[in-house]
Amino acid sequence: MLPSISPTTKLKREHLLTLEAYSRERDAVRRAVIEHKKNRSVHLDDHITLVFEDAITVRYQIQEILRVERIFEEAGINEELESYNPLIPDGSNLKATMLIQYEDPETRKKALEELVGVEHKVWLEVKDCERVFAIADEDLERSTASKTAAVHFLRFELDAEMTRRLRAGAGLSLGIDFAARQCAVAVAPEARDALTRDLG
């Protein structure tokens, strides 16, 4: 079985299974991660979803990459760890993958052209605290002047008061303040509690 880890654990080689061991455990791991993600996915509207990452979701991504690409040498494993560890929250923030999803290719193309810059307009708000806008795509720029990408990586920095209020059960909202897309959703209490565990 995979070693137990906290949401903010920076992953090392010892937190991973070998390819052979992961092959044996994969179905059980996949079921557990799907269940884990239920309270970590927030649909901002019909087409934009935030999936909040932690050590468990990131470890699953790494194990899948190692499996698909048959990476078993130490250098290759360390390279994947270095690439994916920045997606894990640091104790003072929440980190999310933003997915813009349209089934129809033409509709998706048009939407991505209309949504240039939307990744910088995603916000988080703890009740009675100031709204926080996401810091987007710190690893590399994913948008061009003519279209945005379908996947972005976001970081929301929270101060001590926001963390204190969340731990006390304060409401949490997420949304987008963008000319072509305005939305706001209240995060369900069970999802808020799951995300609060990322905060140190």
Protein backbone atom coordinates (compact mmCIF):
# COMPACT_ATOMS: atom_id res chain seq x y z
CA MET A 1 0.00 0.00 0.00
CA LEU A 2 0.98 3.63 -0.48
CA PRO A 3 2.51 5.28 2.61
CA SER A 4 0.14 7.68 4.37
CA ILE A 5 0.91 11.39 3.83
CA SER A 6 -0.50 14.75 4.89
CA PRO A 7 -2.07 17.12 2.28
CA THR A 8 1.03 19.34 2.26
CA THR A 9 3.74 16.63 2.21
CA LYS A 10 6.38 17.35 -0.43
CA LEU A 11 6.80 14.03 -2.18
CA LYS A 12 10.00 12.00 -2.15
CA ARG A 13 10.97 8.69 -3.69
CA GLU A 14 9.93 6.80 -0.55
CA HIS A 15 6.34 8.06 -0.89
CA LEU A 16 5.95 6.22 -4.21
CA LEU A 17 5.42 2.59 -5.12
CA THR A 18 7.59 0.73 -7.60
CA LEU A 19 6.02 0.09 -11.01
CA GLU A 20 5.32 -3.51 -10.06
CA ALA A 21 3.75 -2.66 -6.70
CA TYR A 22 1.67 0.16 -8.23
CA SER A 23 0.40 -2.20 -10.92
CA ARG A 24 -0.93 -4.48 -8.18
CA GLU A 25 -2.46 -1.64 -6.16
CA ARG A 26 -3.62 0.60 -9.02
CA ASP A 27 -7.35 -0.19 -8.98
CA ALA A 28 -7.60 0.38 -5.23
CA VAL A 29 -5.52 3.57 -5.43
CA ARG A 30 -7.64 4.90 -8.28
CA ARG A 31 -10.88 4.30 -6.38
CA ALA A 32 -9.48 6.00 -3.29
CA VAL A 33 -8.30 9.05 -5.26
CA ILE A 34 -11.65 9.40 -7.05
CA GLU A 35 -13.37 9.39 -3.65
CA HIS A 36 -10.78 11.84 -2.27
CA LYS A 37 -11.37 14.26 -5.18
CA LYS A 38 -15.13 14.44 -4.64
CA ASN A 39 -14.72 17.17 -2.05
CA ARG A 40 -11.86 18.84 -3.91
CA SER A 41 -13.64 19.65 -7.19
CA VAL A 42 -15.68 22.83 -7.52
CA HIS A 43 -17.71 23.55 -10.66
CA LEU A 44 -17.69 27.31 -11.22
CA ASP A 45 -20.15 26.93 -14.09
CA ASP A 46 -21.10 24.33 -16.70
CA HIS A 47 -17.68 24.51 -18.36
CA ILE A 48 -15.08 25.61 -15.80
CA THR A 49 -13.99 23.40 -12.90
CA LEU A 50 -11.34 23.83 -10.23
CA VAL A 51 -9.71 20.65 -8.92
CA PHE A 52 -7.80 21.45 -5.74
CA GLU A 53 -4.56 19.53 -5.59
CA ASP A 54 -2.80 18.08 -2.58
CA ALA A 55 -0.10 15.49 -1.98
CA ILE A 56 -2.55 12.63 -2.56
CA THR A 57 -3.84 13.86 -5.94
CA VAL A 58 -0.34 14.82 -7.10
CA ARG A 59 1.15 11.49 -6.04
CA TYR A 60 -1.52 9.72 -8.11
CA GLN A 61 -0.60 11.83 -11.17
CA ILE A 62 3.07 10.99 -10.71
CA GLN A 63 2.40 7.26 -10.29
CA GLU A 64 0.31 7.28 -13.47
CA ILE A 65 3.03 9.06 -15.45
CA LEU A 66 5.69 6.65 -14.19
CA ARG A 67 3.44 3.74 -15.18
CA VAL A 68 2.54 5.00 -18.65
CA GLU A 69 6.08 6.09 -19.53
CA ARG A 70 7.70 3.06 -17.79
CA ILE A 71 9.99 5.29 -15.75
CA PHE A 72 11.88 3.32 -13.11
CA GLU A 73 15.31 4.94 -13.01
CA GLU A 74 16.06 7.29 -10.11
CA ALA A 75 16.85 10.30 -12.31
CA GLY A 76 13.55 10.04 -14.18
CA ILE A 77 11.55 9.62 -10.98
CA ASN A 78 13.26 12.63 -9.39
CA GLU A 79 12.52 14.70 -12.48
CA GLU A 80 8.79 13.97 -12.15
CA LEU A 81 8.89 14.76 -8.43
CA GLU A 82 10.54 18.11 -9.14
CA SER A 83 7.96 18.91 -11.82
CA TYR A 84 4.89 18.05 -9.75
CA ASN A 85 5.82 18.99 -6.17
CA PRO A 86 5.06 22.70 -6.84
CA LEU A 87 1.38 21.74 -7.29
CA ILE A 88 1.18 20.70 -3.62
CA PRO A 89 -0.06 23.43 -1.22
CA ASP A 90 2.51 24.90 1.15
CA GLY A 91 0.33 25.36 4.23
CA SER A 92 -0.56 29.01 3.56
CA ASN A 93 -2.26 28.51 0.22
CA LEU A 94 -4.63 26.43 -1.86
CA LYS A 95 -3.56 25.18 -5.28
CA ALA A 96 -5.89 24.13 -8.06
CA THR A 97 -5.94 22.88 -11.62
CA MET A 98 -8.43 24.92 -13.64
CA LEU A 99 -10.14 22.98 -16.45
CA ILE A 100 -12.07 24.66 -19.25
CA GLN A 101 -14.12 21.91 -20.88
CA TYR A 102 -16.31 21.88 -24.00
CA GLU A 103 -17.19 18.70 -25.88
CA ASP A 104 -17.60 20.33 -29.28
CA PRO A 105 -14.21 21.36 -30.77
CA GLU A 106 -15.57 24.45 -32.54
CA THR A 107 -17.39 25.65 -29.43
CA ARG A 108 -14.25 25.04 -27.37
CA LYS A 109 -12.10 26.99 -29.85
CA LYS A 110 -14.46 29.97 -29.75
CA ALA A 111 -14.69 29.89 -25.95
CA LEU A 112 -10.92 29.78 -25.49
CA GLU A 113 -10.62 32.83 -27.77
CA GLU A 114 -13.23 34.69 -25.70
CA LEU A 115 -11.64 33.76 -22.37
CA VAL A 116 -8.11 35.12 -22.84
CA GLY A 117 -6.90 36.14 -19.39
CA VAL A 118 -9.72 34.46 -17.45
CA GLU A 119 -7.20 32.55 -15.33
CA HIS A 120 -6.17 35.83 -13.68
CA LYS A 121 -9.77 36.66 -12.74
CA VAL A 122 -10.60 33.62 -10.63
CA TRP A 123 -11.22 34.54 -6.99
CA LEU A 124 -11.64 32.98 -3.57
CA GLU A 125 -13.43 34.64 -0.67
CA VAL A 126 -13.64 33.64 2.98
CA LYS A 127 -16.76 35.15 4.57
CA ASP A 128 -16.08 38.64 5.97
CA CYS A 129 -12.56 38.69 4.49
CA GLU A 130 -11.10 40.37 1.44
CA ARG A 131 -11.43 38.59 -1.89
CA VAL A 132 -8.23 36.89 -3.11
CA PHE A 133 -7.46 36.53 -6.82
CA ALA A 134 -5.51 33.54 -8.10
CA ILE A 135 -1.88 33.68 -9.13
CA ALA A 136 -1.89 31.74 -12.40
CA ASP A 137 0.60 29.61 -14.31
CA GLU A 138 3.76 30.39 -12.40
CA ASP A 139 5.69 27.62 -14.14
CA LEU A 140 5.02 28.87 -17.68
CA GLU A 141 2.62 31.09 -19.61
CA ARG A 142 -0.17 28.98 -21.09
CA SER A 143 -2.17 31.68 -22.88
CA THR A 144 -1.44 33.61 -26.04
CA ALA A 145 -2.78 36.96 -27.16
CA SER A 146 -5.48 35.19 -29.17
CA LYS A 147 -6.61 32.35 -26.91
CA THR A 148 -6.33 30.94 -23.41
CA ALA A 149 -5.35 27.37 -22.60
CA ALA A 150 -7.83 24.69 -21.55
CA VAL A 151 -5.75 23.92 -18.43
CA HIS A 152 -4.26 26.36 -15.92
CA PHE A 153 -2.56 26.00 -12.54
CA LEU A 154 -3.71 28.44 -9.85
CA ARG A 155 -2.46 29.43 -6.40
CA PHE A 156 -4.60 31.25 -3.82
CA GLU A 157 -2.64 32.80 -0.94
CA LEU A 158 -4.57 33.05 2.35
CA ASP A 159 -3.54 35.06 5.39
CA ALA A 160 -3.70 33.87 9.01
CA GLU A 161 -7.10 35.46 9.64
CA MET A 162 -8.64 33.72 6.63
CA THR A 163 -7.24 30.39 7.81
CA ARG A 164 -8.52 31.00 11.34
CA ARG A 165 -12.01 31.79 10.05
CA LEU A 166 -12.11 28.72 7.81
CA ARG A 167 -11.09 26.51 10.71
CA ALA A 168 -13.94 28.06 12.70
CA GLY A 169 -16.40 27.12 9.94
CA ALA A 170 -16.68 30.39 7.98
CA GLY A 171 -18.25 30.22 4.53
CA LEU A 172 -16.05 29.91 1.45
CA SER A 173 -16.94 31.13 -2.04
CA LEU A 174 -15.24 30.87 -5.42
CA GLY A 175 -15.95 32.64 -8.65
CA ILE A 176 -14.83 34.47 -11.77
CA ASP A 177 -14.89 38.23 -12.34
CA PHE A 178 -14.28 38.45 -16.08
CA ALA A 179 -16.07 40.41 -18.77
CA ALA A 180 -17.05 37.31 -20.74
CA ARG A 181 -17.71 35.11 -17.70
CA GLN A 182 -19.18 36.12 -14.34
CA CYS A 183 -20.03 33.53 -11.73
CA ALA A 184 -19.93 32.85 -8.00
CA VAL A 185 -20.54 29.64 -6.08
CA ALA A 186 -20.70 28.81 -2.38
CA VAL A 187 -18.40 25.91 -1.55
CA ALA A 188 -20.19 23.06 0.22
CA PRO A 189 -19.23 22.66 3.90
CA GLU A 190 -17.63 19.24 3.35
CA ALA A 191 -15.51 20.62 0.51
CA ARG A 192 -14.56 23.68 2.59
CA ASP A 193 -13.45 21.36 5.41
CA ALA A 194 -11.38 19.25 3.01
CA LEU A 195 -9.62 22.34 1.64
CA THR A 196 -9.05 23.79 5.09
CA ARG A 197 -6.92 20.74 5.89
CA ASP A 198 -4.46 22.01 3.23
CA LEU A 199 -3.77 25.07 5.37
CA GLY A 200 -1.00 23.85 7.63
